[in-house]
N, C-alpha and C. Protein backbone atom coordinates (compact mmCIF):
# COMPACT_ATOMS: atom_id res chain seq x y z
N MET A 1 101.60 73.12 75.75
CA MET A 1 102.80 73.36 76.73
C MET A 1 102.51 74.20 78.15
N LEU A 2 101.80 75.28 77.90
CA LEU A 2 101.20 76.25 78.75
C LEU A 2 100.14 75.73 79.74
N GLU A 3 99.28 75.12 78.94
CA GLU A 3 97.96 74.55 79.55
C GLU A 3 98.34 73.55 80.68
N PRO A 4 99.05 72.96 80.90
CA PRO A 4 99.67 71.76 82.15
C PRO A 4 100.13 72.52 83.26
N ALA A 5 100.83 73.89 82.69
CA ALA A 5 101.44 74.52 83.88
C ALA A 5 100.13 75.32 84.31
N VAL A 6 99.34 75.96 83.70
CA VAL A 6 97.99 76.90 84.42
C VAL A 6 97.32 75.56 85.24
N TYR A 7 97.25 74.43 84.72
CA TYR A 7 96.64 73.64 85.89
C TYR A 7 97.41 73.58 87.20
N VAL A 8 98.55 73.04 87.07
CA VAL A 8 99.39 73.10 88.34
C VAL A 8 99.66 74.29 89.13
N LEU A 9 99.63 75.37 88.33
CA LEU A 9 99.38 76.31 89.26
C LEU A 9 98.28 76.85 90.05
N THR A 10 97.40 76.52 89.03
CA THR A 10 95.87 76.71 89.90
C THR A 10 95.94 75.88 91.06
N ALA A 11 96.66 74.43 91.24
CA ALA A 11 96.21 73.86 92.18
C ALA A 11 97.17 74.54 93.62
N LEU A 12 98.45 74.60 93.14
CA LEU A 12 99.26 75.52 94.04
C LEU A 12 98.88 76.69 94.49
N ALA A 13 98.17 77.70 93.50
CA ALA A 13 97.54 78.80 94.33
C ALA A 13 96.42 78.48 95.26
N ALA A 14 95.30 77.56 94.80
CA ALA A 14 94.29 76.91 96.03
C ALA A 14 95.36 76.56 97.27
N LEU A 15 96.46 75.98 97.26
CA LEU A 15 97.22 75.46 98.54
C LEU A 15 97.56 76.69 99.29
N VAL A 16 98.10 77.90 98.38
CA VAL A 16 98.54 78.79 99.19
C VAL A 16 97.52 79.63 100.09
N VAL A 17 96.11 79.60 99.34
CA VAL A 17 95.40 80.16 99.87
C VAL A 17 94.93 79.80 101.20
N VAL A 18 94.72 78.28 101.13
CA VAL A 18 94.04 77.48 102.29
C VAL A 18 95.35 77.62 103.31
N LEU A 19 96.59 77.29 102.96
CA LEU A 19 97.70 77.32 104.20
C LEU A 19 97.87 78.76 104.90
N THR A 20 97.67 79.82 103.89
CA THR A 20 97.78 81.10 104.49
C THR A 20 96.89 81.55 105.37
N ARG A 21 95.38 80.96 105.26
CA ARG A 21 94.38 81.04 106.06
C ARG A 21 94.72 80.10 107.49
N LEU A 22 95.18 79.38 107.40
CA LEU A 22 95.70 78.20 108.50
C LEU A 22 96.76 78.85 109.36
N ARG A 23 97.88 79.38 108.87
CA ARG A 23 98.86 80.06 109.44
C ARG A 23 98.76 81.41 110.07
N LEU A 24 98.04 82.01 109.42
CA LEU A 24 97.51 83.36 110.13
C LEU A 24 96.58 83.61 110.53
N GLY A 25 95.23 82.26 110.83
CA GLY A 25 93.98 82.32 111.08
C GLY A 25 93.98 82.18 112.58
N GLY A 26 94.89 81.69 113.30
CA GLY A 26 95.02 81.36 114.83
C GLY A 26 95.00 82.80 115.60
N ALA A 27 94.83 82.71 116.91
CA ALA A 27 94.86 83.30 117.70
C ALA A 27 96.14 84.56 117.86
N ALA A 28 97.43 83.65 117.74
CA ALA A 28 98.62 84.11 117.64
C ALA A 28 98.88 84.99 116.15
N GLY A 29 97.96 84.75 115.21
CA GLY A 29 98.36 85.77 114.00
C GLY A 29 99.71 85.42 113.29
N GLY A 30 100.41 84.17 113.42
CA GLY A 30 101.47 83.70 112.54
C GLY A 30 102.50 84.55 113.09
N GLY A 31 103.77 84.16 112.61
CA GLY A 31 104.91 84.89 112.44
C GLY A 31 105.13 86.16 111.88
N GLY A 32 106.13 87.12 112.12
CA GLY A 32 106.27 88.14 111.43
C GLY A 32 106.45 89.32 112.48
N ARG A 33 106.28 90.72 112.09
CA ARG A 33 106.81 91.78 112.93
C ARG A 33 105.60 92.67 113.49
N HIS A 34 104.55 92.18 112.45
CA HIS A 34 102.75 93.13 112.79
C HIS A 34 102.08 92.29 112.59
N VAL A 35 100.95 92.93 113.31
CA VAL A 35 99.62 92.00 113.26
C VAL A 35 99.11 91.83 112.09
N VAL A 36 98.50 90.89 111.58
CA VAL A 36 97.85 90.92 110.21
C VAL A 36 96.26 91.31 110.57
N PRO A 37 95.57 92.46 109.67
CA PRO A 37 94.47 92.83 109.96
C PRO A 37 93.95 91.74 109.28
N ARG A 38 92.65 91.39 110.14
CA ARG A 38 91.59 90.15 109.80
C ARG A 38 91.14 90.69 108.54
N ARG A 39 90.48 91.98 108.00
CA ARG A 39 89.94 92.08 106.65
C ARG A 39 90.53 91.45 105.78
N LEU A 40 92.07 92.04 105.65
CA LEU A 40 93.12 91.73 104.89
C LEU A 40 93.08 89.99 104.51
N LEU A 41 92.99 89.36 105.72
CA LEU A 41 93.33 87.99 105.55
C LEU A 41 91.84 87.19 105.30
N THR A 42 90.70 88.10 105.64
CA THR A 42 89.26 87.55 105.08
C THR A 42 88.98 87.89 103.47
N VAL A 43 89.83 88.80 102.94
CA VAL A 43 89.91 89.56 101.50
C VAL A 43 90.48 88.43 100.75
N HIS A 44 91.49 87.91 101.10
CA HIS A 44 92.82 86.91 100.70
C HIS A 44 91.86 85.52 100.67
N LEU A 45 91.09 85.28 101.59
CA LEU A 45 90.31 83.97 101.32
C LEU A 45 89.27 83.77 100.54
N LEU A 46 88.19 84.71 100.57
CA LEU A 46 86.94 84.85 99.78
C LEU A 46 87.78 85.18 98.67
N ALA A 47 88.28 86.04 98.04
CA ALA A 47 88.77 86.37 96.68
C ALA A 47 89.72 84.85 96.02
N GLY A 48 90.10 84.32 97.16
CA GLY A 48 91.12 83.21 96.64
C GLY A 48 89.93 82.08 96.35
N VAL A 49 88.63 81.49 97.37
CA VAL A 49 87.95 80.70 96.98
C VAL A 49 87.40 80.94 95.36
N LEU A 50 86.91 82.36 95.59
CA LEU A 50 86.08 82.90 94.25
C LEU A 50 86.88 82.74 92.74
N ALA A 51 88.27 82.93 93.17
CA ALA A 51 88.88 82.77 92.10
C ALA A 51 89.30 81.61 91.63
N LEU A 52 89.55 80.62 92.74
CA LEU A 52 89.75 79.03 92.49
C LEU A 52 88.56 78.46 91.79
N VAL A 53 87.12 78.94 92.31
CA VAL A 53 85.94 78.37 91.70
C VAL A 53 85.87 78.78 90.35
N VAL A 54 85.90 80.03 90.10
CA VAL A 54 85.33 80.76 88.82
C VAL A 54 86.21 80.09 87.77
N TRP A 55 87.78 80.46 88.07
CA TRP A 55 88.92 80.19 87.08
C TRP A 55 88.78 78.52 87.14
N THR A 56 88.69 77.84 87.58
CA THR A 56 88.48 75.89 87.52
C THR A 56 87.14 76.27 86.51
N VAL A 57 86.21 76.69 86.83
CA VAL A 57 85.01 76.49 85.96
C VAL A 57 85.40 76.97 84.42
N PHE A 58 86.09 77.85 84.68
CA PHE A 58 86.47 78.44 83.17
C PHE A 58 87.22 77.50 82.42
N LEU A 59 88.31 76.95 83.21
CA LEU A 59 89.33 75.95 82.42
C LEU A 59 88.51 74.57 81.91
N VAL A 60 87.75 74.16 82.80
CA VAL A 60 87.04 72.73 82.23
C VAL A 60 86.05 72.91 81.55
N SER A 61 85.20 74.21 81.62
CA SER A 61 84.48 74.26 80.39
C SER A 61 84.60 74.57 78.83
N PRO A 62 84.01 74.07 78.09
CA PRO A 62 84.00 74.02 76.51
C PRO A 62 83.93 75.56 76.27
N ASP A 63 84.74 75.64 75.43
CA ASP A 63 85.02 77.42 74.82
C ASP A 63 83.85 77.89 74.17
N ASP A 64 82.72 76.96 73.69
CA ASP A 64 81.55 77.83 73.33
C ASP A 64 80.70 77.78 74.28
N SER A 65 80.45 77.25 75.58
CA SER A 65 79.77 77.75 76.60
C SER A 65 79.62 78.52 77.29
N ALA A 66 78.66 78.82 77.99
CA ALA A 66 78.59 80.15 78.89
C ALA A 66 79.99 80.11 79.87
N PRO A 67 79.99 79.19 80.60
CA PRO A 67 80.74 79.23 81.75
C PRO A 67 82.45 79.32 81.20
N GLY A 68 82.62 78.96 79.81
CA GLY A 68 83.73 78.91 79.09
C GLY A 68 84.15 80.45 78.20
N SER A 69 83.31 80.91 78.51
CA SER A 69 83.31 82.92 77.85
C SER A 69 84.57 83.17 78.19
N ALA A 70 84.67 84.18 77.56
CA ALA A 70 85.97 85.00 77.79
C ALA A 70 85.55 85.95 78.99
N LEU A 71 84.34 86.49 79.31
CA LEU A 71 84.10 87.27 80.65
C LEU A 71 84.21 86.40 82.04
N VAL A 72 83.95 85.25 81.63
CA VAL A 72 84.19 84.20 83.09
C VAL A 72 85.66 84.12 83.19
N GLY A 73 86.52 83.77 82.41
CA GLY A 73 88.17 83.80 82.33
C GLY A 73 88.31 85.49 82.95
N VAL A 74 87.99 86.46 82.28
CA VAL A 74 88.22 87.74 83.02
C VAL A 74 88.03 87.89 84.27
N VAL A 75 86.97 87.37 84.56
CA VAL A 75 86.33 87.55 86.49
C VAL A 75 87.24 86.55 87.00
N GLY A 76 87.49 85.32 87.05
CA GLY A 76 88.57 84.54 87.15
C GLY A 76 90.04 85.28 87.37
N LEU A 77 90.40 85.62 86.51
CA LEU A 77 91.63 86.46 86.48
C LEU A 77 91.78 87.62 87.33
N GLY A 78 90.61 88.16 87.45
CA GLY A 78 90.46 89.76 88.31
C GLY A 78 90.43 89.16 89.89
N PHE A 79 89.99 87.76 90.02
CA PHE A 79 90.00 87.40 91.63
C PHE A 79 91.35 87.13 91.86
N TRP A 80 91.85 86.32 90.85
CA TRP A 80 93.38 85.99 91.41
C TRP A 80 94.53 87.36 91.50
N TRP A 81 93.87 88.18 90.63
CA TRP A 81 94.75 89.46 90.96
C TRP A 81 94.46 90.18 92.62
N VAL A 82 93.50 89.89 92.78
CA VAL A 82 92.92 90.49 93.92
C VAL A 82 93.77 89.68 95.21
N VAL A 83 93.63 88.35 94.96
CA VAL A 83 94.54 87.38 95.74
C VAL A 83 96.03 88.02 95.75
N ALA A 84 96.46 87.84 94.75
CA ALA A 84 97.97 87.92 94.84
C ALA A 84 98.13 89.49 95.26
N GLY A 85 97.32 90.29 95.31
CA GLY A 85 97.57 91.81 96.06
C GLY A 85 97.71 91.31 97.36
N ALA A 86 96.44 90.93 97.85
CA ALA A 86 96.35 90.73 99.10
C ALA A 86 97.51 89.83 99.80
N GLY A 87 97.91 88.82 99.01
CA GLY A 87 99.06 88.35 99.63
C GLY A 87 100.27 88.86 99.84
N LEU A 88 100.52 90.03 98.81
CA LEU A 88 101.89 90.83 98.97
C LEU A 88 101.73 91.38 100.01
N LEU A 89 100.46 92.15 100.25
CA LEU A 89 100.29 92.96 101.37
C LEU A 89 100.43 92.33 102.83
N LEU A 90 99.94 90.82 102.61
CA LEU A 90 100.22 90.11 103.99
C LEU A 90 101.82 89.88 104.20
N LEU A 91 102.58 90.20 103.11
CA LEU A 91 104.22 89.87 103.11
C LEU A 91 104.52 91.41 104.23
N ALA A 92 103.82 92.18 104.28
CA ALA A 92 104.27 93.08 105.13
C ALA A 92 104.48 93.04 106.36
N ARG A 93 103.70 92.09 106.99
CA ARG A 93 104.04 91.56 108.39
C ARG A 93 105.59 91.26 108.85
N TRP A 94 106.32 90.95 107.77
CA TRP A 94 107.82 90.83 107.81
C TRP A 94 108.64 92.26 108.08
N LEU A 95 108.21 93.45 107.40
CA LEU A 95 109.15 94.53 107.12
C LEU A 95 109.59 94.81 108.51
N PRO A 96 110.53 95.18 108.85
CA PRO A 96 111.35 95.58 110.11
C PRO A 96 110.72 96.76 110.85
N SER A 97 110.30 97.01 111.89
CA SER A 97 109.97 97.95 112.53
C SER A 97 111.08 98.81 112.97
N LYS A 98 110.78 99.98 113.28
CA LYS A 98 112.20 101.13 113.57
C LYS A 98 110.99 101.62 114.65
N GLY A 99 112.21 102.40 115.47
CA GLY A 99 111.81 102.99 116.41
C GLY A 99 112.29 102.55 117.83
N ARG A 100 112.32 103.21 119.14
CA ARG A 100 112.95 102.79 120.36
C ARG A 100 111.97 101.60 120.65
N HIS A 101 110.82 101.72 120.58
CA HIS A 101 109.96 100.73 121.35
C HIS A 101 109.50 99.44 120.47
N ALA A 102 110.01 99.49 118.96
CA ALA A 102 109.84 98.56 117.92
C ALA A 102 110.26 96.93 118.88
N GLY A 103 109.10 96.13 118.74
CA GLY A 103 109.47 94.74 119.08
C GLY A 103 110.46 93.69 117.94
N ASP A 104 111.04 92.79 118.53
CA ASP A 104 111.42 91.84 117.79
C ASP A 104 109.99 91.05 117.11
N GLY A 105 110.56 90.38 115.88
CA GLY A 105 109.49 89.97 115.18
C GLY A 105 109.31 88.41 115.80
N ALA A 106 107.70 88.11 115.56
CA ALA A 106 107.57 86.82 116.12
C ALA A 106 107.66 85.57 115.30
N SER A 107 107.96 84.43 115.84
CA SER A 107 108.13 83.36 114.87
C SER A 107 106.91 82.27 115.02
N ASP A 108 106.74 81.76 114.21
CA ASP A 108 105.75 80.51 114.56
C ASP A 108 106.25 79.02 114.58
N ALA A 109 105.50 78.06 114.36
CA ALA A 109 105.89 76.35 114.28
C ALA A 109 106.09 76.36 112.59
N TRP A 110 105.88 77.05 111.79
CA TRP A 110 105.86 76.69 110.22
C TRP A 110 106.92 77.06 109.72
N ALA A 111 107.74 77.84 110.12
CA ALA A 111 108.87 78.46 109.66
C ALA A 111 109.71 79.30 110.56
N GLY A 112 111.32 79.28 110.23
CA GLY A 112 111.84 80.11 111.50
C GLY A 112 112.04 81.56 110.58
N GLY A 113 110.97 82.13 109.59
CA GLY A 113 110.99 83.27 109.09
C GLY A 113 110.50 83.84 107.91
N PRO A 114 110.48 84.63 107.60
CA PRO A 114 109.52 84.97 105.94
C PRO A 114 109.41 84.26 104.69
N TRP A 115 110.54 83.09 105.04
CA TRP A 115 110.61 82.50 103.74
C TRP A 115 109.65 81.60 103.17
N LEU A 116 109.05 81.17 104.12
CA LEU A 116 107.73 80.44 103.44
C LEU A 116 106.76 81.15 103.05
N SER A 117 106.47 82.41 103.49
CA SER A 117 105.41 83.24 103.00
C SER A 117 106.13 83.99 101.74
N LEU A 118 107.39 84.27 101.54
CA LEU A 118 107.90 84.74 100.32
C LEU A 118 107.87 83.75 99.59
N LEU A 119 108.04 82.46 99.47
CA LEU A 119 107.76 81.67 98.69
C LEU A 119 106.34 81.58 97.84
N ALA A 120 105.67 81.41 99.03
CA ALA A 120 104.07 81.35 98.43
C ALA A 120 103.47 82.58 97.64
N HIS A 121 103.73 83.85 98.28
CA HIS A 121 103.05 84.95 97.76
C HIS A 121 103.71 85.27 96.61
N LEU A 122 105.12 85.09 96.69
CA LEU A 122 105.99 85.70 95.27
C LEU A 122 105.64 84.75 94.27
N GLY A 123 105.62 83.39 94.30
CA GLY A 123 105.37 82.56 93.81
C GLY A 123 103.57 83.09 93.31
N MET A 124 102.76 83.13 94.13
CA MET A 124 101.31 83.30 93.79
C MET A 124 101.46 84.57 92.61
N ALA A 125 101.99 85.56 92.78
CA ALA A 125 102.19 86.73 91.96
C ALA A 125 102.85 86.04 90.61
N ALA A 126 103.86 85.26 90.76
CA ALA A 126 104.57 85.09 89.04
C ALA A 126 103.36 83.84 88.39
N GLY A 127 102.32 83.12 89.39
CA GLY A 127 101.51 82.56 88.66
C GLY A 127 100.12 83.00 88.29
N VAL A 128 99.85 84.34 88.62
CA VAL A 128 99.05 84.88 87.89
C VAL A 128 99.26 85.68 87.05
N VAL A 129 100.52 86.11 86.71
CA VAL A 129 101.15 86.69 85.69
C VAL A 129 101.20 85.48 84.61
N VAL A 130 101.56 84.47 84.87
CA VAL A 130 101.18 83.22 83.96
C VAL A 130 99.96 82.95 83.46
N PHE A 131 98.81 82.81 84.31
CA PHE A 131 97.63 82.49 84.30
C PHE A 131 97.07 83.89 83.07
N THR A 132 97.70 85.32 83.23
CA THR A 132 97.11 86.31 82.51
C THR A 132 97.84 85.87 80.86
N TYR A 133 98.94 85.72 80.89
CA TYR A 133 99.79 85.43 79.54
C TYR A 133 99.02 84.44 78.92
N ALA A 134 98.60 82.94 79.78
CA ALA A 134 98.13 82.09 79.08
C ALA A 134 96.49 82.44 78.44
N TYR A 135 95.89 83.39 79.24
CA TYR A 135 94.67 83.66 78.95
C TYR A 135 94.64 84.63 77.40
N VAL A 136 95.78 85.59 77.67
CA VAL A 136 96.03 86.42 76.48
C VAL A 136 96.48 85.97 75.29
N SER A 137 97.31 84.45 75.63
CA SER A 137 97.55 84.11 74.44
C SER A 137 96.72 83.18 73.92
N SER A 138 95.55 82.68 74.39
CA SER A 138 94.89 81.74 74.18
C SER A 138 94.95 80.60 74.41
N ALA A 139 95.95 80.30 75.32
CA ALA A 139 96.58 78.84 75.36
C ALA A 139 95.76 78.27 76.47
N VAL A 140 94.38 78.80 77.06
CA VAL A 140 93.78 78.22 77.79
C VAL A 140 92.48 78.49 77.69
């Protein structure tokens, strides 16, 4: 029962990584109150690509093969945790600014506020918890 959910969440996680790059990779930097550091966005993308490749190879490989080994699964999970952490840090761009010279938040064409980012990155964090649980319980 848990295995199909892991496959679906893997595809959704890949979508979050790609859409985050598309949304925040432009010159305007997407919506929010703060500018997104390029390094954080790069970490999110690179860890996401590596997580997707390593985790997918682990999922589709037989258990008795090298790509299906426990080490490959742990490495894939490690990359997913990096992606989730970077994604949660990207949410910080929506935190309100305080002070006399604080500006209003910027919006973009994707959404009128933080809701899309909240859904994507909190969902990513929850998905990584599901991945970890499925791995520890030997469901995948």
